[in-house]
Amino acid sequence: MDVTVRQLILDLKKKGFSYRALAKVLGVSHEEVRRWALGLYRPKNPHRVLKRLSDLIIDDKPELVDDYYSPTHNGPPNNYFSIRPGDNHLIKRFKRSVKLIADLLDIQNSKLLDYVAETGIKYLKENGSQKLYGVKLRSFTLACFRVVMYRLHYVYPDWISRFNFFGEVKLIDPPIYRRFFLELSEKYLA
């Protein structure tokens, strides 16, 4: 048995994933996943299974966000953009999106990042759980960044070219970004 696949399945089980949930992601039966976890059988395509399981581990690992942005890098971070145990899936996805956009813009200003996360979370809680995924979520996150930059009088060099680049590579959808930017501006800049 490929120990790595087995270990990843066991790690995901510890994180609360069921065999059925893993089977759904992998496109196999839950019995097959259980057999892999017990070491009874090997996956037919271990590379595909490893890739999908690794994505789940990375996607669900709060320490990726916490370690990266922890002010002290030891102990629990005390900021808005760290994933916390009570966060729902939408808030977790949003916080990961904050990290992604911050990395792409090379922003490490913790005050700015705190305000971005606080603004986005406040909006998401006030407006119910919208279906925000992928491009729509990143467009919302970038709009949060821009609104907070205005509020804090933070000047980002070369904003226009970055924005255009994000649109060209389909990281964001400019019309969705503009809609969120207008909504957020009316709520939090007025």
N, C-alpha and C. Protein backbone atom coordinates (compact mmCIF):
# COMPACT_ATOMS: atom_id res chain seq x y z
N MET A 1 0.84 -1.20 0.00
CA MET A 1 0.00 0.00 0.00
C MET A 1 0.87 1.24 0.00
N ASP A 2 0.51 2.21 -0.80
CA ASP A 2 1.22 3.48 -0.83
C ASP A 2 0.96 4.19 0.50
N VAL A 3 2.00 4.27 1.33
CA VAL A 3 1.86 4.84 2.67
C VAL A 3 1.38 6.28 2.60
N THR A 4 1.80 7.02 1.59
CA THR A 4 1.42 8.42 1.48
C THR A 4 -0.09 8.57 1.32
N VAL A 5 -0.69 7.82 0.43
CA VAL A 5 -2.14 7.88 0.23
C VAL A 5 -2.84 7.50 1.53
N ARG A 6 -2.38 6.43 2.13
CA ARG A 6 -2.98 5.98 3.40
C ARG A 6 -2.85 7.06 4.46
N GLN A 7 -1.68 7.64 4.58
CA GLN A 7 -1.45 8.66 5.60
C GLN A 7 -2.31 9.90 5.36
N LEU A 8 -2.43 10.30 4.09
CA LEU A 8 -3.27 11.46 3.78
C LEU A 8 -4.73 11.19 4.13
N ILE A 9 -5.20 10.00 3.83
CA ILE A 9 -6.59 9.66 4.17
C ILE A 9 -6.78 9.71 5.69
N LEU A 10 -5.84 9.14 6.43
CA LEU A 10 -5.94 9.15 7.89
C LEU A 10 -5.88 10.58 8.44
N ASP A 11 -5.01 11.42 7.87
CA ASP A 11 -4.93 12.82 8.30
C ASP A 11 -6.24 13.55 8.05
N LEU A 12 -6.82 13.30 6.88
CA LEU A 12 -8.10 13.95 6.55
C LEU A 12 -9.23 13.43 7.44
N LYS A 13 -9.18 12.16 7.79
CA LYS A 13 -10.17 11.61 8.73
C LYS A 13 -10.08 12.34 10.08
N LYS A 14 -8.85 12.59 10.54
CA LYS A 14 -8.65 13.31 11.80
C LYS A 14 -9.22 14.73 11.73
N LYS A 15 -9.20 15.30 10.53
CA LYS A 15 -9.72 16.66 10.34
C LYS A 15 -11.24 16.67 10.18
N GLY A 16 -11.86 15.49 10.19
CA GLY A 16 -13.31 15.45 10.14
C GLY A 16 -13.91 15.01 8.81
N PHE A 17 -13.08 14.68 7.83
CA PHE A 17 -13.60 14.21 6.55
C PHE A 17 -14.05 12.75 6.71
N SER A 18 -15.20 12.43 6.19
CA SER A 18 -15.66 11.04 6.22
C SER A 18 -15.16 10.31 4.98
N TYR A 19 -15.24 8.98 5.02
CA TYR A 19 -14.88 8.20 3.83
C TYR A 19 -15.80 8.57 2.66
N ARG A 20 -17.07 8.82 2.97
CA ARG A 20 -18.02 9.19 1.92
C ARG A 20 -17.63 10.53 1.27
N ALA A 21 -17.25 11.50 2.09
CA ALA A 21 -16.85 12.81 1.55
C ALA A 21 -15.60 12.67 0.68
N LEU A 22 -14.64 11.90 1.16
CA LEU A 22 -13.41 11.69 0.38
C LEU A 22 -13.72 10.94 -0.91
N ALA A 23 -14.61 9.96 -0.82
CA ALA A 23 -14.99 9.18 -2.01
C ALA A 23 -15.64 10.08 -3.06
N LYS A 24 -16.47 11.00 -2.60
CA LYS A 24 -17.14 11.92 -3.52
C LYS A 24 -16.12 12.78 -4.26
N VAL A 25 -15.14 13.28 -3.54
CA VAL A 25 -14.09 14.12 -4.14
C VAL A 25 -13.26 13.30 -5.14
N LEU A 26 -12.99 12.06 -4.79
CA LEU A 26 -12.13 11.21 -5.62
C LEU A 26 -12.88 10.49 -6.74
N GLY A 27 -14.20 10.46 -6.64
CA GLY A 27 -14.98 9.78 -7.67
C GLY A 27 -14.93 8.26 -7.57
N VAL A 28 -14.84 7.78 -6.34
CA VAL A 28 -14.81 6.32 -6.09
C VAL A 28 -15.81 6.02 -4.97
N SER A 29 -15.97 4.74 -4.64
CA SER A 29 -16.89 4.38 -3.55
C SER A 29 -16.22 4.62 -2.20
N HIS A 30 -17.05 4.80 -1.18
CA HIS A 30 -16.49 5.00 0.17
C HIS A 30 -15.80 3.74 0.66
N GLU A 31 -16.26 2.59 0.18
CA GLU A 31 -15.61 1.33 0.56
C GLU A 31 -14.18 1.27 0.01
N GLU A 32 -14.01 1.78 -1.20
CA GLU A 32 -12.67 1.80 -1.79
C GLU A 32 -11.73 2.68 -0.95
N VAL A 33 -12.22 3.83 -0.55
CA VAL A 33 -11.41 4.74 0.29
C VAL A 33 -11.08 4.06 1.61
N ARG A 34 -12.06 3.39 2.20
CA ARG A 34 -11.84 2.68 3.47
C ARG A 34 -10.76 1.61 3.30
N ARG A 35 -10.81 0.88 2.20
CA ARG A 35 -9.81 -0.17 1.94
C ARG A 35 -8.41 0.42 1.78
N TRP A 36 -8.33 1.60 1.12
CA TRP A 36 -7.03 2.27 0.99
C TRP A 36 -6.51 2.68 2.37
N ALA A 37 -7.41 3.20 3.20
CA ALA A 37 -7.02 3.66 4.53
C ALA A 37 -6.55 2.49 5.40
N LEU A 38 -7.17 1.34 5.22
CA LEU A 38 -6.77 0.15 5.99
C LEU A 38 -5.54 -0.53 5.42
N GLY A 39 -5.12 -0.11 4.23
CA GLY A 39 -3.95 -0.71 3.60
C GLY A 39 -4.24 -2.01 2.88
N LEU A 40 -5.52 -2.27 2.60
CA LEU A 40 -5.90 -3.52 1.93
C LEU A 40 -5.68 -3.47 0.42
N TYR A 41 -5.87 -2.28 -0.16
CA TYR A 41 -5.74 -2.12 -1.61
C TYR A 41 -4.98 -0.84 -1.92
N ARG A 42 -4.50 -0.76 -3.16
CA ARG A 42 -3.84 0.45 -3.66
C ARG A 42 -4.78 1.14 -4.66
N PRO A 43 -4.69 2.46 -4.75
CA PRO A 43 -5.47 3.14 -5.80
C PRO A 43 -4.92 2.78 -7.18
N LYS A 44 -5.80 2.73 -8.17
CA LYS A 44 -5.36 2.41 -9.54
C LYS A 44 -4.49 3.53 -10.10
N ASN A 45 -4.84 4.76 -9.77
CA ASN A 45 -4.07 5.92 -10.24
C ASN A 45 -3.60 6.72 -9.02
N PRO A 46 -2.53 6.27 -8.36
CA PRO A 46 -2.12 6.91 -7.10
C PRO A 46 -1.74 8.39 -7.26
N HIS A 47 -1.22 8.78 -8.41
CA HIS A 47 -0.83 10.19 -8.58
C HIS A 47 -2.04 11.11 -8.55
N ARG A 48 -3.12 10.69 -9.20
CA ARG A 48 -4.35 11.48 -9.20
C ARG A 48 -4.92 11.56 -7.78
N VAL A 49 -4.93 10.43 -7.09
CA VAL A 49 -5.45 10.38 -5.72
C VAL A 49 -4.60 11.27 -4.81
N LEU A 50 -3.28 11.15 -4.92
CA LEU A 50 -2.39 11.99 -4.11
C LEU A 50 -2.64 13.47 -4.36
N LYS A 51 -2.79 13.84 -5.63
CA LYS A 51 -3.02 15.24 -5.98
C LYS A 51 -4.30 15.75 -5.34
N ARG A 52 -5.37 14.99 -5.49
CA ARG A 52 -6.67 15.43 -4.94
C ARG A 52 -6.65 15.48 -3.42
N LEU A 53 -6.05 14.48 -2.78
CA LEU A 53 -5.97 14.48 -1.31
C LEU A 53 -5.07 15.60 -0.82
N SER A 54 -3.97 15.84 -1.51
CA SER A 54 -3.07 16.93 -1.12
C SER A 54 -3.77 18.27 -1.22
N ASP A 55 -4.60 18.44 -2.26
CA ASP A 55 -5.36 19.68 -2.39
C ASP A 55 -6.29 19.87 -1.20
N LEU A 56 -6.90 18.79 -0.73
CA LEU A 56 -7.79 18.89 0.43
C LEU A 56 -7.01 19.25 1.68
N ILE A 57 -5.86 18.64 1.86
CA ILE A 57 -5.03 18.94 3.03
C ILE A 57 -4.64 20.41 3.00
N ILE A 58 -4.15 20.89 1.87
CA ILE A 58 -3.73 22.29 1.75
C ILE A 58 -4.90 23.22 1.92
N ASP A 59 -6.03 22.88 1.31
CA ASP A 59 -7.21 23.73 1.34
C ASP A 59 -7.78 23.86 2.74
N ASP A 60 -7.62 22.82 3.56
CA ASP A 60 -8.25 22.81 4.87
C ASP A 60 -7.28 23.13 6.01
N LYS A 61 -6.05 23.53 5.69
CA LYS A 61 -5.04 23.69 6.72
C LYS A 61 -5.01 25.13 7.23
N PRO A 62 -5.61 25.40 8.40
CA PRO A 62 -5.62 26.77 8.89
C PRO A 62 -4.24 27.34 9.11
N GLU A 63 -3.27 26.49 9.47
CA GLU A 63 -1.95 27.03 9.76
C GLU A 63 -1.28 27.67 8.54
N LEU A 64 -1.75 27.37 7.34
CA LEU A 64 -1.19 28.06 6.18
C LEU A 64 -1.45 29.55 6.26
N VAL A 65 -2.64 29.90 6.69
CA VAL A 65 -2.96 31.31 6.84
C VAL A 65 -2.38 31.82 8.15
N ASP A 66 -2.59 31.07 9.24
CA ASP A 66 -2.14 31.52 10.55
C ASP A 66 -0.63 31.72 10.60
N ASP A 67 0.14 30.73 10.15
CA ASP A 67 1.60 30.84 10.23
C ASP A 67 2.11 31.99 9.38
N TYR A 68 1.52 32.16 8.23
CA TYR A 68 2.01 33.19 7.32
C TYR A 68 1.80 34.59 7.88
N TYR A 69 0.66 34.81 8.51
CA TYR A 69 0.34 36.16 8.95
C TYR A 69 0.41 36.36 10.45
N SER A 70 0.81 35.35 11.19
CA SER A 70 0.88 35.52 12.63
C SER A 70 1.87 36.63 12.97
N PRO A 71 1.45 37.60 13.76
CA PRO A 71 2.35 38.71 14.10
C PRO A 71 3.60 38.25 14.81
N THR A 72 3.49 37.18 15.60
CA THR A 72 4.65 36.74 16.38
C THR A 72 5.25 35.43 15.86
N HIS A 73 4.51 34.71 15.04
CA HIS A 73 4.91 33.39 14.55
C HIS A 73 5.09 32.38 15.67
N ASN A 74 4.54 32.68 16.84
CA ASN A 74 4.48 31.66 17.89
C ASN A 74 3.22 31.93 18.71
N GLY A 75 2.44 30.93 18.90
CA GLY A 75 1.18 31.11 19.59
C GLY A 75 0.10 31.53 18.62
N PRO A 76 -1.14 31.62 19.10
CA PRO A 76 -2.23 31.94 18.19
C PRO A 76 -2.16 33.39 17.72
N PRO A 77 -2.31 33.61 16.43
CA PRO A 77 -2.30 34.98 15.93
C PRO A 77 -3.53 35.72 16.39
N ASN A 78 -3.38 36.99 16.65
CA ASN A 78 -4.57 37.75 17.04
C ASN A 78 -4.83 38.77 15.96
N ASN A 79 -5.51 38.35 14.94
CA ASN A 79 -5.86 39.21 13.83
C ASN A 79 -7.13 38.69 13.18
N TYR A 80 -7.69 39.48 12.29
CA TYR A 80 -8.95 39.10 11.66
C TYR A 80 -8.78 38.10 10.52
N PHE A 81 -7.60 38.03 9.92
CA PHE A 81 -7.46 37.22 8.73
C PHE A 81 -6.98 35.80 9.02
N SER A 82 -6.81 35.45 10.27
CA SER A 82 -6.44 34.07 10.62
C SER A 82 -7.70 33.23 10.74
N ILE A 83 -7.63 32.03 10.22
CA ILE A 83 -8.79 31.15 10.27
C ILE A 83 -8.94 30.63 11.69
N ARG A 84 -10.16 30.70 12.17
CA ARG A 84 -10.46 30.30 13.54
C ARG A 84 -11.42 29.10 13.52
N PRO A 85 -11.45 28.32 14.60
CA PRO A 85 -12.30 27.13 14.63
C PRO A 85 -13.78 27.39 14.31
N GLY A 86 -14.35 28.52 14.70
CA GLY A 86 -15.78 28.76 14.47
C GLY A 86 -16.13 29.33 13.11
N ASP A 87 -15.14 29.59 12.28
CA ASP A 87 -15.40 30.19 10.97
C ASP A 87 -16.17 29.22 10.06
N ASN A 88 -17.19 29.75 9.37
CA ASN A 88 -17.91 28.91 8.41
C ASN A 88 -17.09 28.83 7.12
N HIS A 89 -17.56 28.02 6.17
CA HIS A 89 -16.79 27.78 4.93
C HIS A 89 -16.61 29.06 4.12
N LEU A 90 -17.63 29.90 4.06
CA LEU A 90 -17.53 31.14 3.30
C LEU A 90 -16.46 32.05 3.89
N ILE A 91 -16.44 32.19 5.21
CA ILE A 91 -15.44 33.04 5.88
C ILE A 91 -14.05 32.46 5.67
N LYS A 92 -13.91 31.15 5.75
CA LYS A 92 -12.60 30.52 5.51
C LYS A 92 -12.12 30.79 4.09
N ARG A 93 -13.03 30.62 3.12
CA ARG A 93 -12.65 30.88 1.72
C ARG A 93 -12.26 32.33 1.53
N PHE A 94 -13.00 33.23 2.17
CA PHE A 94 -12.69 34.65 2.06
C PHE A 94 -11.30 34.94 2.65
N LYS A 95 -11.01 34.40 3.80
CA LYS A 95 -9.71 34.65 4.44
C LYS A 95 -8.57 34.10 3.59
N ARG A 96 -8.79 32.95 2.97
CA ARG A 96 -7.76 32.41 2.06
C ARG A 96 -7.58 33.32 0.85
N SER A 97 -8.70 33.89 0.40
CA SER A 97 -8.64 34.81 -0.73
C SER A 97 -7.89 36.09 -0.35
N VAL A 98 -8.06 36.56 0.89
CA VAL A 98 -7.30 37.72 1.38
C VAL A 98 -5.82 37.41 1.31
N LYS A 99 -5.44 36.21 1.75
CA LYS A 99 -4.03 35.82 1.71
C LYS A 99 -3.50 35.80 0.28
N LEU A 100 -4.29 35.22 -0.63
CA LEU A 100 -3.88 35.13 -2.03
C LEU A 100 -3.67 36.52 -2.63
N ILE A 101 -4.65 37.40 -2.47
CA ILE A 101 -4.55 38.75 -3.04
C ILE A 101 -3.40 39.50 -2.38
N ALA A 102 -3.23 39.36 -1.07
CA ALA A 102 -2.11 40.03 -0.38
C ALA A 102 -0.78 39.55 -0.95
N ASP A 103 -0.67 38.26 -1.20
CA ASP A 103 0.56 37.72 -1.79
C ASP A 103 0.78 38.27 -3.19
N LEU A 104 -0.27 38.30 -3.99
CA LEU A 104 -0.14 38.79 -5.37
C LEU A 104 0.19 40.28 -5.43
N LEU A 105 -0.33 41.04 -4.47
CA LEU A 105 -0.04 42.47 -4.43
C LEU A 105 1.21 42.77 -3.59
N ASP A 106 1.76 41.73 -2.97
CA ASP A 106 2.92 41.85 -2.10
C ASP A 106 2.66 42.85 -0.97
N ILE A 107 1.51 42.68 -0.33
CA ILE A 107 1.13 43.54 0.80
C ILE A 107 1.31 42.75 2.08
N GLN A 108 2.07 43.33 3.01
CA GLN A 108 2.31 42.67 4.29
C GLN A 108 1.92 43.55 5.46
N ASN A 109 1.30 44.68 5.18
CA ASN A 109 0.87 45.62 6.21
C ASN A 109 -0.26 44.98 7.01
N SER A 110 0.02 44.57 8.26
CA SER A 110 -0.97 43.82 9.03
C SER A 110 -2.20 44.67 9.35
N LYS A 111 -2.03 45.97 9.54
CA LYS A 111 -3.19 46.83 9.81
C LYS A 111 -4.13 46.83 8.60
N LEU A 112 -3.57 46.96 7.43
CA LEU A 112 -4.37 46.94 6.21
C LEU A 112 -5.06 45.59 6.05
N LEU A 113 -4.34 44.51 6.25
CA LEU A 113 -4.93 43.17 6.11
C LEU A 113 -6.04 42.93 7.13
N ASP A 114 -5.84 43.41 8.36
CA ASP A 114 -6.89 43.30 9.37
C ASP A 114 -8.15 44.03 8.92
N TYR A 115 -8.00 45.24 8.42
CA TYR A 115 -9.16 46.02 7.98
C TYR A 115 -9.84 45.37 6.78
N VAL A 116 -9.07 44.82 5.87
CA VAL A 116 -9.65 44.13 4.71
C VAL A 116 -10.51 42.97 5.18
N ALA A 117 -9.94 42.13 6.04
CA ALA A 117 -10.68 40.97 6.54
C ALA A 117 -11.90 41.41 7.35
N GLU A 118 -11.73 42.40 8.21
CA GLU A 118 -12.84 42.88 9.03
C GLU A 118 -13.97 43.42 8.15
N THR A 119 -13.62 44.21 7.13
CA THR A 119 -14.62 44.78 6.22
C THR A 119 -15.36 43.68 5.46
N GLY A 120 -14.61 42.74 4.90
CA GLY A 120 -15.23 41.65 4.15
C GLY A 120 -16.12 40.78 5.00
N ILE A 121 -15.66 40.43 6.19
CA ILE A 121 -16.44 39.58 7.08
C ILE A 121 -17.71 40.29 7.52
N LYS A 122 -17.58 41.57 7.84
CA LYS A 122 -18.76 42.36 8.24
C LYS A 122 -19.79 42.36 7.12
N TYR A 123 -19.34 42.60 5.90
CA TYR A 123 -20.24 42.62 4.74
C TYR A 123 -20.90 41.25 4.55
N LEU A 124 -20.10 40.18 4.61
CA LEU A 124 -20.63 38.84 4.40
C LEU A 124 -21.65 38.46 5.47
N LYS A 125 -21.41 38.86 6.71
CA LYS A 125 -22.35 38.56 7.79
C LYS A 125 -23.64 39.37 7.65
N GLU A 126 -23.52 40.62 7.22
CA GLU A 126 -24.70 41.48 7.06
C GLU A 126 -25.56 41.07 5.87
N ASN A 127 -24.94 40.53 4.85
CA ASN A 127 -25.65 40.23 3.61
C ASN A 127 -25.94 38.75 3.41
N GLY A 128 -25.86 37.99 4.45
CA GLY A 128 -26.17 36.56 4.34
C GLY A 128 -25.08 35.81 3.59
N SER A 129 -25.31 34.55 3.41
CA SER A 129 -24.29 33.74 2.75
C SER A 129 -24.52 33.72 1.25
N GLN A 130 -23.80 34.57 0.56
CA GLN A 130 -23.84 34.56 -0.90
C GLN A 130 -22.99 33.41 -1.39
N LYS A 131 -23.25 33.00 -2.60
CA LYS A 131 -22.43 31.95 -3.20
C LYS A 131 -21.21 32.61 -3.83
N LEU A 132 -20.16 32.73 -3.05
CA LEU A 132 -18.93 33.33 -3.53
C LEU A 132 -17.86 32.25 -3.67
N TYR A 133 -17.45 32.02 -4.89
CA TYR A 133 -16.39 31.06 -5.18
C TYR A 133 -15.50 31.67 -6.25
N GLY A 134 -14.31 31.15 -6.36
CA GLY A 134 -13.41 31.46 -7.47
C GLY A 134 -13.29 32.92 -7.83
N VAL A 135 -13.58 33.23 -9.10
CA VAL A 135 -13.41 34.58 -9.64
C VAL A 135 -14.28 35.59 -8.89
N LYS A 136 -15.50 35.21 -8.57
CA LYS A 136 -16.41 36.12 -7.87
C LYS A 136 -15.86 36.45 -6.47
N LEU A 137 -15.36 35.44 -5.77
CA LEU A 137 -14.78 35.66 -4.44
C LEU A 137 -13.54 36.54 -4.52
N ARG A 138 -12.66 36.27 -5.49
CA ARG A 138 -11.45 37.09 -5.62
C ARG A 138 -11.80 38.52 -6.01
N SER A 139 -12.83 38.70 -6.83
CA SER A 139 -13.27 40.06 -7.21
C SER A 139 -13.78 40.79 -5.97
N PHE A 140 -14.55 40.10 -5.14
CA PHE A 140 -15.04 40.69 -3.89
C PHE A 140 -13.86 41.05 -2.98
N THR A 141 -12.91 40.15 -2.86
CA THR A 141 -11.76 40.38 -1.99
C THR A 141 -10.94 41.59 -2.48
N LEU A 142 -10.72 41.68 -3.77
CA LEU A 142 -9.97 42.81 -4.31
C LEU A 142 -10.73 44.12 -4.07
N ALA A 143 -12.05 44.08 -4.18
CA ALA A 143 -12.86 45.28 -3.89
C ALA A 143 -12.70 45.67 -2.41
N CYS A 144 -12.64 44.69 -1.53
CA CYS A 144 -12.41 44.97 -0.10
C CYS A 144 -11.06 45.66 0.08
N PHE A 145 -10.04 45.15 -0.59
CA PHE A 145 -8.71 45.77 -0.51
C PHE A 145 -8.78 47.23 -0.95
N ARG A 146 -9.43 47.49 -2.06
CA ARG A 146 -9.46 48.85 -2.61
C ARG A 146 -10.21 49.81 -1.69
N VAL A 147 -11.33 49.37 -1.15
CA VAL A 147 -12.11 50.22 -0.23
C VAL A 147 -11.29 50.54 1.01
N VAL A 148 -10.62 49.55 1.55
CA VAL A 148 -9.81 49.77 2.75
C VAL A 148 -8.62 50.68 2.43
N MET A 149 -8.04 50.52 1.25
CA MET A 149 -6.93 51.40 0.85
C MET A 149 -7.40 52.86 0.81
N TYR A 150 -8.59 53.08 0.30
CA TYR A 150 -9.15 54.45 0.31
C TYR A 150 -9.37 54.93 1.74
N ARG A 151 -9.94 54.06 2.56
CA ARG A 151 -10.25 54.45 3.95
C ARG A 151 -8.97 54.80 4.72
N LEU A 152 -7.90 54.06 4.46
CA LEU A 152 -6.64 54.29 5.20
C LEU A 152 -5.68 55.23 4.46
N HIS A 153 -6.11 55.74 3.32
CA HIS A 153 -5.26 56.60 2.47
C HIS A 153 -3.96 55.88 2.12
N TYR A 154 -4.09 54.60 1.82
CA TYR A 154 -2.94 53.77 1.46
C TYR A 154 -2.78 53.83 -0.06
N VAL A 155 -1.63 54.26 -0.50
CA VAL A 155 -1.39 54.37 -1.94
C VAL A 155 -0.63 53.13 -2.40
N TYR A 156 -1.25 52.41 -3.33
CA TYR A 156 -0.59 51.24 -3.89
C TYR A 156 -0.02 51.62 -5.24
N PRO A 157 1.29 51.52 -5.39
CA PRO A 157 1.88 51.89 -6.67
C PRO A 157 1.43 50.94 -7.77
N ASP A 158 1.09 51.49 -8.90
CA ASP A 158 0.77 50.69 -10.08
C ASP A 158 -0.51 49.87 -9.95
N TRP A 159 -1.51 50.41 -9.21
CA TRP A 159 -2.77 49.71 -9.01
C TRP A 159 -3.46 49.39 -10.33
N ILE A 160 -3.52 50.35 -11.25
CA ILE A 160 -4.23 50.17 -12.51
C ILE A 160 -3.65 49.01 -13.32
N SER A 161 -2.34 48.94 -13.44
CA SER A 161 -1.76 47.85 -14.23
C SER A 161 -1.97 46.50 -13.55
N ARG A 162 -1.92 46.46 -12.20
CA ARG A 162 -2.20 45.20 -11.49
C ARG A 162 -3.64 44.77 -11.72
N PHE A 163 -4.56 45.73 -11.58
CA PHE A 163 -5.97 45.45 -11.78
C PHE A 163 -6.21 44.90 -13.19
N ASN A 164 -5.64 45.57 -14.19
CA ASN A 164 -5.80 45.13 -15.58
C ASN A 164 -5.22 43.73 -15.78
N PHE A 165 -4.07 43.47 -15.18
CA PHE A 165 -3.45 42.16 -15.29
C PHE A 165 -4.35 41.09 -14.66
N PHE A 166 -4.89 41.36 -13.47
CA PHE A 166 -5.78 40.40 -12.81
C PHE A 166 -6.98 40.08 -13.69
N GLY A 167 -7.51 41.10 -14.36
CA GLY A 167 -8.63 40.89 -15.27
C GLY A 167 -8.23 40.07 -16.49
N GLU A 168 -7.05 40.37 -17.05
CA GLU A 168 -6.58 39.65 -18.25
C GLU A 168 -6.37 38.17 -17.99
N VAL A 169 -5.82 37.83 -16.84
CA VAL A 169 -5.55 36.42 -16.54
C VAL A 169 -6.75 35.75 -15.87
N LYS A 170 -7.88 36.44 -15.84
CA LYS A 170 -9.14 35.90 -15.30
C LYS A 170 -9.07 35.58 -13.81
N LEU A 171 -8.20 36.29 -13.10
CA LEU A 171 -8.15 36.13 -11.66
C LEU A 171 -9.37 36.79 -11.03
N ILE A 172 -9.80 37.89 -11.63
CA ILE A 172 -11.00 38.59 -11.20
C ILE A 172 -11.87 38.87 -12.42
N ASP A 173 -13.10 39.26 -12.16
CA ASP A 173 -14.02 39.69 -13.21
C ASP A 173 -14.28 41.18 -12.97
N PRO A 174 -13.74 42.07 -13.82
CA PRO A 174 -13.88 43.50 -13.58
C PRO A 174 -15.30 44.00 -13.31
N PRO A 175 -16.33 43.56 -14.05
CA PRO A 175 -17.69 44.03 -13.73
C PRO A 175 -18.15 43.60 -12.32
N ILE A 176 -17.82 42.38 -11.93
CA ILE A 176 -18.18 41.93 -10.58
C ILE A 176 -17.41 42.74 -9.54
N TYR A 177 -16.13 42.96 -9.79
CA TYR A 177 -15.30 43.78 -8.89
C TYR A 177 -15.94 45.16 -8.72
N ARG A 178 -16.32 45.80 -9.82
CA ARG A 178 -16.90 47.15 -9.76
C ARG A 178 -18.20 47.17 -8.96
N ARG A 179 -19.02 46.14 -9.16
CA ARG A 179 -20.29 46.07 -8.42
C ARG A 179 -20.02 45.98 -6.92
N PHE A 180 -19.11 45.08 -6.54
CA PHE A 180 -18.78 44.96 -5.12
C PHE A 180 -18.11 46.23 -4.60
N PHE A 181 -17.24 46.83 -5.40
CA PHE A 181 -16.56 48.05 -4.97
C PHE A 181 -17.58 49.15 -4.68
N LEU A 182 -18.57 49.31 -5.56
CA LEU A 182 -19.61 50.33 -5.34
C LEU A 182 -20.42 50.04 -4.08
N GLU A 183 -20.82 48.77 -3.91
CA GLU A 183 -21.58 48.39 -2.71
C GLU A 183 -20.78 48.65 -1.43
N LEU A 184 -19.54 48.19 -1.43
CA LEU A 184 -18.69 48.36 -0.25
C LEU A 184 -18.39 49.83 0.01
N SER A 185 -18.17 50.60 -1.04
CA SER A 185 -17.90 52.03 -0.89
C SER A 185 -19.08 52.74 -0.24
N GLU A 186 -20.29 52.43 -0.72
CA GLU A 186 -21.49 53.05 -0.15
C GLU A 186 -21.65 52.71 1.33
N LYS A 187 -21.35 51.48 1.69
CA LYS A 187 -21.52 51.05 3.08
C LYS A 187 -20.41 51.55 4.01
N TYR A 188 -19.17 51.49 3.54
CA TYR A 188 -18.05 51.69 4.47
C TYR A 188 -17.21 52.94 4.22
N LEU A 189 -17.48 53.66 3.17
CA LEU A 189 -16.73 54.91 2.95
C LEU A 189 -17.59 56.15 3.14
N ALA A 190 -18.88 55.96 3.23
CA ALA A 190 -19.80 57.12 3.35
C ALA A 190 -19.75 57.74 4.72
